[in-house]
C-alpha atoms as a PDB file:
ATOM      1  CA  MET A   1       0.000   0.000   0.000  1.00  0.00           C
ATOM      2  CA  MET A   2       1.270   3.476  -0.853  1.00  0.00           C
ATOM      3  CA  ALA A   3       2.026   5.907   1.922  1.00  0.00           C
ATOM      4  CA  MET A   4      -0.221   8.924   1.942  1.00  0.00           C
ATOM      5  CA  HIS A   5       1.439  12.299   2.403  1.00  0.00           C
ATOM      6  CA  PRO A   6      -0.308  14.893   4.504  1.00  0.00           C
ATOM      7  CA  THR A   7      -2.340  17.241   2.378  1.00  0.00           C
ATOM      8  CA  ARG A   8      -1.083  20.793   2.296  1.00  0.00           C
ATOM      9  CA  PRO A   9      -2.209  23.750   0.212  1.00  0.00           C
ATOM     10  CA  LEU A  10      -0.579  24.127  -3.182  1.00  0.00           C
ATOM     11  CA  ASP A  11       1.774  27.122  -3.243  1.00  0.00           C
ATOM     12  CA  PRO A  12       2.312  28.401  -6.810  1.00  0.00           C
ATOM     13  CA  MET A  13       5.383  30.403  -5.803  1.00  0.00           C
ATOM     14  CA  GLU A  14       7.067  27.280  -4.445  1.00  0.00           C
ATOM     15  CA  ILE A  15       6.410  25.473  -7.733  1.00  0.00           C
ATOM     16  CA  LEU A  16       7.768  28.464  -9.649  1.00  0.00           C
ATOM     17  CA  ARG A  17      10.942  28.557  -7.541  1.00  0.00           C
ATOM     18  CA  LYS A  18      11.524  24.862  -8.162  1.00  0.00           C
ATOM     19  CA  LEU A  19      10.957  25.181 -11.897  1.00  0.00           C
ATOM     20  CA  THR A  20      13.204  28.208 -12.367  1.00  0.00           C
ATOM     21  CA  GLY A  21      15.953  26.577 -10.313  1.00  0.00           C
ATOM     22  CA  LEU A  22      16.365  23.739 -12.795  1.00  0.00           C
ATOM     23  CA  PRO A  23      19.447  23.953 -15.052  1.00  0.00           C
ATOM     24  CA  HIS A  24      17.547  23.384 -18.302  1.00  0.00           C
ATOM     25  CA  ARG A  25      15.513  26.579 -18.079  1.00  0.00           C
ATOM     26  CA  ARG A  26      16.496  28.447 -21.229  1.00  0.00           C
ATOM     27  CA  THR A  27      14.828  29.965 -24.228  1.00  0.00           C
ATOM     28  CA  TYR A  28      15.537  29.063 -27.800  1.00  0.00           C
ATOM     29  CA  ILE A  29      15.048  32.503 -29.306  1.00  0.00           C
ATOM     30  CA  THR A  30      18.301  32.463 -31.298  1.00  0.00           C
ATOM     31  CA  GLU A  31      17.295  29.295 -33.133  1.00  0.00           C
ATOM     32  CA  VAL A  32      13.867  30.735 -33.920  1.00  0.00           C
ATOM     33  CA  TRP A  33      15.441  33.940 -35.235  1.00  0.00           C
ATOM     34  CA  TRP A  34      17.719  31.914 -37.528  1.00  0.00           C
ATOM     35  CA  LEU A  35      14.717  30.015 -38.897  1.00  0.00           C
ATOM     36  CA  VAL A  36      12.539  33.096 -39.374  1.00  0.00           C
ATOM     37  CA  GLY A  37      15.434  35.127 -40.775  1.00  0.00           C
ATOM     38  CA  GLY A  38      16.389  32.478 -43.342  1.00  0.00           C
ATOM     39  CA  THR A  39      12.825  32.131 -44.524  1.00  0.00           C
ATOM     40  CA  ALA A  40      12.243  35.899 -44.682  1.00  0.00           C
ATOM     41  CA  LEU A  41      15.546  36.528 -46.479  1.00  0.00           C
ATOM     42  CA  GLY A  42      14.764  33.824 -49.014  1.00  0.00           C
ATOM     43  CA  LEU A  43      11.312  35.263 -49.668  1.00  0.00           C
ATOM     44  CA  LEU A  44      12.705  38.783 -50.065  1.00  0.00           C
ATOM     45  CA  LEU A  45      15.398  37.616 -52.484  1.00  0.00           C
ATOM     46  CA  LEU A  46      12.992  35.489 -54.518  1.00  0.00           C
ATOM     47  CA  PRO A  47      12.515  38.063 -57.335  1.00  0.00           C
ATOM     48  CA  ALA A  48      16.270  38.663 -57.721  1.00  0.00           C
ATOM     49  CA  LEU A  49      17.796  35.215 -57.120  1.00  0.00           C
ATOM     50  CA  SER A  50      14.942  32.913 -58.026  1.00  0.00           C
ATOM     51  CA  TRP A  51      16.409  29.397 -57.720  1.00  0.00           C
ATOM     52  CA  LEU A  52      18.915  30.231 -54.984  1.00  0.00           C
ATOM     53  CA  ALA A  53      16.300  32.031 -52.879  1.00  0.00           C
ATOM     54  CA  PHE A  54      13.854  29.161 -53.449  1.00  0.00           C
ATOM     55  CA  LEU A  55      16.534  26.778 -52.181  1.00  0.00           C
ATOM     56  CA  LEU A  56      17.124  28.976 -49.100  1.00  0.00           C
ATOM     57  CA  VAL A  57      13.388  29.032 -48.331  1.00  0.00           C
ATOM     58  CA  GLY A  58      13.200  25.255 -48.755  1.00  0.00           C
ATOM     59  CA  VAL A  59      16.171  24.636 -46.463  1.00  0.00           C
ATOM     60  CA  SER A  60      14.836  27.054 -43.822  1.00  0.00           C
ATOM     61  CA  VAL A  61      11.344  25.579 -43.857  1.00  0.00           C
ATOM     62  CA  GLY A  62      12.747  22.040 -43.774  1.00  0.00           C
ATOM     63  CA  ALA A  63      15.016  22.900 -40.831  1.00  0.00           C
ATOM     64  CA  ALA A  64      12.067  24.520 -39.040  1.00  0.00           C
ATOM     65  CA  LEU A  65       9.892  21.438 -39.518  1.00  0.00           C
ATOM     66  CA  VAL A  66      12.612  19.196 -38.150  1.00  0.00           C
ATOM     67  CA  TYR A  67      13.482  21.593 -35.294  1.00  0.00           C
ATOM     68  CA  PHE A  68       9.915  22.051 -34.087  1.00  0.00           C
ATOM     69  CA  ASP A  69       9.383  18.280 -34.238  1.00  0.00           C
ATOM     70  CA  TRP A  70      12.055  18.005 -31.485  1.00  0.00           C
ATOM     71  CA  ARG A  71      14.568  16.278 -33.753  1.00  0.00           C
ATOM     72  CA  PHE A  72      18.138  17.373 -34.507  1.00  0.00           C
ATOM     73  CA  SER A  73      18.362  20.331 -36.843  1.00  0.00           C
ATOM     74  CA  PRO A  74      21.525  22.064 -38.116  1.00  0.00           C
ATOM     75  CA  VAL A  75      20.088  25.353 -36.873  1.00  0.00           C
ATOM     76  CA  SER A  76      21.003  24.207 -33.358  1.00  0.00           C
ATOM     77  CA  LEU A  77      24.690  24.590 -34.244  1.00  0.00           C
ATOM     78  CA  LEU A  78      24.470  28.181 -35.505  1.00  0.00           C
ATOM     79  CA  PRO A  79      25.807  31.030 -33.345  1.00  0.00           C
ATOM     80  CA  PRO A  80      25.167  32.646 -30.902  1.00  0.00           C
ATOM     81  CA  ARG A  81      25.098  29.732 -28.509  1.00  0.00           C
ATOM     82  CA  ALA A  82      24.419  31.870 -25.441  1.00  0.00           C
ATOM     83  CA  THR A  83      21.844  30.759 -22.928  1.00  0.00           C
ATOM     84  CA  SER A  84      19.120  33.282 -22.340  1.00  0.00           C
ATOM     85  CA  GLN A  85      16.946  32.983 -19.274  1.00  0.00           C
ATOM     86  CA  ASN A  86      13.170  32.914 -19.155  1.00  0.00           C
ATOM     87  CA  ILE A  87      11.698  35.943 -17.443  1.00  0.00           C
ATOM     88  CA  ILE A  88       8.732  35.240 -15.236  1.00  0.00           C
ATOM     89  CA  GLY A  89       6.894  38.237 -13.869  1.00  0.00           C
ATOM     90  CA  LYS A  90       3.884  38.833 -11.719  1.00  0.00           C
END
């Protein structure tokens, strides 16, 4: 039989402190900017460099599909590799 713990009220600030104290708390904004920037640049260059810009858009969209499916994507290796922290406010 499982031991029952005494019931105590749930403190959201305690949960927040525990979550923000974990080492994996980081944002992935640099990877998203690389994906959005590659797609936007390819679309802007489409009239001037048709096949090359189409290739850039295809590679960016393909990398985004792989990245957001939680698989390895080459965009994870692009700089900057700095860790930015999540900001949680009241």
